[in-house]
Amino acid sequence: KVLKGVMGESRRLRVLAAAAVVAALFAAAHSSAFAFVPLFVLSLFFTALYERTGSIFAPILCHGLFNLFNISMVLIAGVQC
């Protein structure tokens, strides 16, 4: 919400700019150059979900399901971390 308040006059432009900044921070926080672009896109999805629902719980649930899916795939594949 803070970023949306300081970036431009158009609400749409503020939301898009804030979403891009947050997505970049989210992707960078995962410290993987290989996964930066997919995580950036995933973060944009989470942000759109938040904007659409007005609730933080929907993106948190989706993030948890995404992590659960990835952990399941690692366990099924038998990859050692």
N, C-alpha and C. Protein backbone atom coordinates (compact mmCIF):
# COMPACT_ATOMS: atom_id res chain seq x y z
N LYS A 1 0.82 -1.19 0.00
CA LYS A 1 0.00 0.00 0.00
C LYS A 1 0.86 1.25 0.00
N VAL A 2 2.00 1.19 0.64
CA VAL A 2 2.87 2.37 0.71
C VAL A 2 3.35 2.75 -0.69
N LEU A 3 3.81 1.77 -1.46
CA LEU A 3 4.30 2.07 -2.81
C LEU A 3 3.20 2.61 -3.70
N LYS A 4 1.97 2.12 -3.54
CA LYS A 4 0.87 2.60 -4.37
C LYS A 4 0.58 4.07 -4.09
N GLY A 5 0.92 4.53 -2.90
CA GLY A 5 0.64 5.91 -2.53
C GLY A 5 1.65 6.91 -3.06
N VAL A 6 2.82 6.48 -3.50
CA VAL A 6 3.86 7.43 -3.90
C VAL A 6 4.24 7.35 -5.37
N MET A 7 3.62 6.49 -6.12
CA MET A 7 4.04 6.28 -7.51
C MET A 7 3.00 6.78 -8.50
N GLY A 8 3.08 8.02 -8.88
CA GLY A 8 2.24 8.55 -9.94
C GLY A 8 0.84 8.90 -9.51
N GLU A 9 0.07 9.42 -10.48
CA GLU A 9 -1.29 9.87 -10.17
C GLU A 9 -2.34 8.85 -10.57
N SER A 10 -2.09 8.10 -11.61
CA SER A 10 -3.05 7.10 -12.09
C SER A 10 -3.03 5.89 -11.15
N ARG A 11 -4.21 5.45 -10.70
CA ARG A 11 -4.28 4.28 -9.82
C ARG A 11 -3.70 3.06 -10.51
N ARG A 12 -4.01 2.88 -11.77
CA ARG A 12 -3.51 1.72 -12.52
C ARG A 12 -1.99 1.74 -12.60
N LEU A 13 -1.43 2.92 -12.87
CA LEU A 13 0.02 3.06 -12.95
C LEU A 13 0.66 2.79 -11.58
N ARG A 14 0.05 3.29 -10.52
CA ARG A 14 0.58 3.06 -9.16
C ARG A 14 0.57 1.57 -8.83
N VAL A 15 -0.51 0.89 -9.15
CA VAL A 15 -0.62 -0.54 -8.86
C VAL A 15 0.42 -1.32 -9.66
N LEU A 16 0.56 -1.02 -10.94
CA LEU A 16 1.53 -1.73 -11.78
C LEU A 16 2.96 -1.48 -11.32
N ALA A 17 3.28 -0.22 -10.99
CA ALA A 17 4.63 0.10 -10.54
C ALA A 17 4.93 -0.58 -9.21
N ALA A 18 3.99 -0.52 -8.29
CA ALA A 18 4.18 -1.16 -6.99
C ALA A 18 4.31 -2.67 -7.15
N ALA A 19 3.50 -3.26 -8.02
CA ALA A 19 3.56 -4.71 -8.25
C ALA A 19 4.92 -5.10 -8.82
N ALA A 20 5.45 -4.31 -9.73
CA ALA A 20 6.76 -4.62 -10.33
C ALA A 20 7.87 -4.54 -9.29
N VAL A 21 7.82 -3.54 -8.42
CA VAL A 21 8.85 -3.40 -7.38
C VAL A 21 8.77 -4.56 -6.40
N VAL A 22 7.56 -4.87 -5.96
CA VAL A 22 7.37 -5.97 -5.01
C VAL A 22 7.77 -7.30 -5.64
N ALA A 23 7.41 -7.51 -6.90
CA ALA A 23 7.76 -8.75 -7.59
C ALA A 23 9.28 -8.90 -7.70
N ALA A 24 9.96 -7.81 -8.00
CA ALA A 24 11.43 -7.86 -8.10
C ALA A 24 12.05 -8.18 -6.73
N LEU A 25 11.53 -7.57 -5.68
CA LEU A 25 12.04 -7.86 -4.32
C LEU A 25 11.77 -9.30 -3.93
N PHE A 26 10.57 -9.78 -4.22
CA PHE A 26 10.20 -11.17 -3.91
C PHE A 26 11.13 -12.14 -4.63
N ALA A 27 11.35 -11.91 -5.92
CA ALA A 27 12.21 -12.80 -6.70
C ALA A 27 13.66 -12.72 -6.22
N ALA A 28 14.14 -11.52 -5.93
CA ALA A 28 15.52 -11.34 -5.48
C ALA A 28 15.73 -11.97 -4.10
N ALA A 29 14.72 -11.93 -3.25
CA ALA A 29 14.84 -12.50 -1.90
C ALA A 29 15.07 -14.00 -1.92
N HIS A 30 14.70 -14.65 -3.00
CA HIS A 30 14.89 -16.09 -3.11
C HIS A 30 16.29 -16.47 -3.59
N SER A 31 17.11 -15.47 -3.88
CA SER A 31 18.55 -15.64 -4.18
C SER A 31 18.85 -16.69 -5.24
N SER A 32 18.10 -16.66 -6.33
CA SER A 32 18.36 -17.60 -7.41
C SER A 32 18.21 -16.88 -8.74
N ALA A 33 19.34 -16.67 -9.41
CA ALA A 33 19.29 -16.00 -10.71
C ALA A 33 18.50 -16.85 -11.71
N PHE A 34 18.61 -18.17 -11.59
CA PHE A 34 17.91 -19.09 -12.47
C PHE A 34 16.40 -18.96 -12.33
N ALA A 35 15.92 -18.75 -11.10
CA ALA A 35 14.48 -18.71 -10.84
C ALA A 35 13.91 -17.30 -10.78
N PHE A 36 14.73 -16.28 -11.05
CA PHE A 36 14.27 -14.90 -10.90
C PHE A 36 13.02 -14.61 -11.73
N VAL A 37 13.07 -14.92 -13.02
CA VAL A 37 11.94 -14.59 -13.90
C VAL A 37 10.67 -15.35 -13.51
N PRO A 38 10.73 -16.67 -13.30
CA PRO A 38 9.50 -17.36 -12.88
C PRO A 38 8.95 -16.84 -11.54
N LEU A 39 9.84 -16.52 -10.60
CA LEU A 39 9.37 -16.00 -9.32
C LEU A 39 8.81 -14.59 -9.47
N PHE A 40 9.37 -13.81 -10.36
CA PHE A 40 8.85 -12.47 -10.64
C PHE A 40 7.41 -12.58 -11.16
N VAL A 41 7.20 -13.49 -12.11
CA VAL A 41 5.86 -13.69 -12.67
C VAL A 41 4.91 -14.23 -11.61
N LEU A 42 5.37 -15.17 -10.80
CA LEU A 42 4.54 -15.71 -9.73
C LEU A 42 4.14 -14.61 -8.75
N SER A 43 5.06 -13.73 -8.44
CA SER A 43 4.76 -12.62 -7.54
C SER A 43 3.73 -11.68 -8.15
N LEU A 44 3.81 -11.45 -9.45
CA LEU A 44 2.80 -10.62 -10.11
C LEU A 44 1.42 -11.27 -9.99
N PHE A 45 1.38 -12.61 -10.13
CA PHE A 45 0.12 -13.33 -9.94
C PHE A 45 -0.40 -13.15 -8.52
N PHE A 46 0.47 -13.31 -7.52
CA PHE A 46 0.05 -13.14 -6.13
C PHE A 46 -0.46 -11.72 -5.89
N THR A 47 0.20 -10.74 -6.48
CA THR A 47 -0.21 -9.35 -6.32
C THR A 47 -1.58 -9.12 -6.95
N ALA A 48 -1.78 -9.66 -8.16
CA ALA A 48 -3.08 -9.53 -8.83
C ALA A 48 -4.18 -10.20 -8.00
N LEU A 49 -3.85 -11.34 -7.42
CA LEU A 49 -4.81 -12.04 -6.57
C LEU A 49 -5.17 -11.20 -5.35
N TYR A 50 -4.17 -10.57 -4.75
CA TYR A 50 -4.43 -9.69 -3.61
C TYR A 50 -5.31 -8.51 -4.03
N GLU A 51 -4.97 -7.89 -5.16
CA GLU A 51 -5.75 -6.74 -5.63
C GLU A 51 -7.18 -7.14 -5.94
N ARG A 52 -7.37 -8.32 -6.49
CA ARG A 52 -8.71 -8.78 -6.86
C ARG A 52 -9.57 -9.14 -5.64
N THR A 53 -8.94 -9.80 -4.65
CA THR A 53 -9.70 -10.26 -3.48
C THR A 53 -9.71 -9.25 -2.34
N GLY A 54 -8.69 -8.40 -2.29
CA GLY A 54 -8.58 -7.45 -1.18
C GLY A 54 -8.15 -8.12 0.12
N SER A 55 -7.70 -9.36 0.01
CA SER A 55 -7.30 -10.12 1.19
C SER A 55 -5.92 -10.71 0.99
N ILE A 56 -5.10 -10.67 2.03
CA ILE A 56 -3.76 -11.24 1.96
C ILE A 56 -3.80 -12.76 2.07
N PHE A 57 -4.92 -13.32 2.55
CA PHE A 57 -5.01 -14.76 2.76
C PHE A 57 -4.99 -15.56 1.47
N ALA A 58 -5.58 -15.04 0.40
CA ALA A 58 -5.59 -15.76 -0.88
C ALA A 58 -4.17 -15.94 -1.42
N PRO A 59 -3.35 -14.88 -1.50
CA PRO A 59 -1.98 -15.09 -1.98
C PRO A 59 -1.14 -15.95 -1.03
N ILE A 60 -1.38 -15.85 0.27
CA ILE A 60 -0.65 -16.69 1.22
C ILE A 60 -1.01 -18.16 0.99
N LEU A 61 -2.28 -18.44 0.79
CA LEU A 61 -2.71 -19.81 0.52
C LEU A 61 -2.09 -20.34 -0.77
N CYS A 62 -2.11 -19.52 -1.82
CA CYS A 62 -1.52 -19.94 -3.10
C CYS A 62 -0.02 -20.15 -2.97
N HIS A 63 0.65 -19.30 -2.21
CA HIS A 63 2.10 -19.45 -2.00
C HIS A 63 2.37 -20.77 -1.28
N GLY A 64 1.57 -21.06 -0.27
CA GLY A 64 1.74 -22.32 0.47
C GLY A 64 1.49 -23.53 -0.42
N LEU A 65 0.46 -23.47 -1.26
CA LEU A 65 0.18 -24.57 -2.18
C LEU A 65 1.30 -24.73 -3.21
N PHE A 66 1.84 -23.61 -3.68
CA PHE A 66 2.96 -23.65 -4.61
C PHE A 66 4.17 -24.34 -3.96
N ASN A 67 4.47 -23.95 -2.72
CA ASN A 67 5.59 -24.57 -2.01
C ASN A 67 5.34 -26.05 -1.77
N LEU A 68 4.12 -26.40 -1.39
CA LEU A 68 3.76 -27.80 -1.17
C LEU A 68 3.94 -28.61 -2.46
N PHE A 69 3.50 -28.06 -3.57
CA PHE A 69 3.67 -28.72 -4.86
C PHE A 69 5.16 -28.95 -5.15
N ASN A 70 5.97 -27.92 -4.97
CA ASN A 70 7.41 -28.05 -5.24
C ASN A 70 8.07 -29.07 -4.33
N ILE A 71 7.74 -29.06 -3.07
CA ILE A 71 8.31 -30.03 -2.13
C ILE A 71 7.88 -31.44 -2.53
N SER A 72 6.62 -31.60 -2.92
CA SER A 72 6.13 -32.91 -3.36
C SER A 72 6.89 -33.40 -4.58
N MET A 73 7.14 -32.52 -5.52
CA MET A 73 7.88 -32.91 -6.73
C MET A 73 9.31 -33.30 -6.40
N VAL A 74 9.93 -32.61 -5.48
CA VAL A 74 11.30 -32.96 -5.06
C VAL A 74 11.30 -34.33 -4.39
N LEU A 75 10.32 -34.58 -3.53
CA LEU A 75 10.26 -35.88 -2.83
C LEU A 75 9.97 -37.02 -3.81
N ILE A 76 9.06 -36.77 -4.74
CA ILE A 76 8.72 -37.80 -5.73
C ILE A 76 9.92 -38.11 -6.62
N ALA A 77 10.64 -37.07 -7.01
CA ALA A 77 11.80 -37.25 -7.89
C ALA A 77 13.00 -37.82 -7.13
N GLY A 78 12.97 -37.72 -5.81
CA GLY A 78 14.08 -38.24 -5.00
C GLY A 78 15.33 -37.40 -5.09
N VAL A 79 15.17 -36.12 -5.35
CA VAL A 79 16.32 -35.22 -5.47
C VAL A 79 16.86 -34.87 -4.07
N GLN A 80 18.17 -34.95 -3.93
CA GLN A 80 18.81 -34.59 -2.67
C GLN A 80 19.10 -33.09 -2.65
N CYS A 81 18.67 -32.42 -1.61
CA CYS A 81 18.92 -30.97 -1.49
C CYS A 81 20.07 -30.69 -0.57
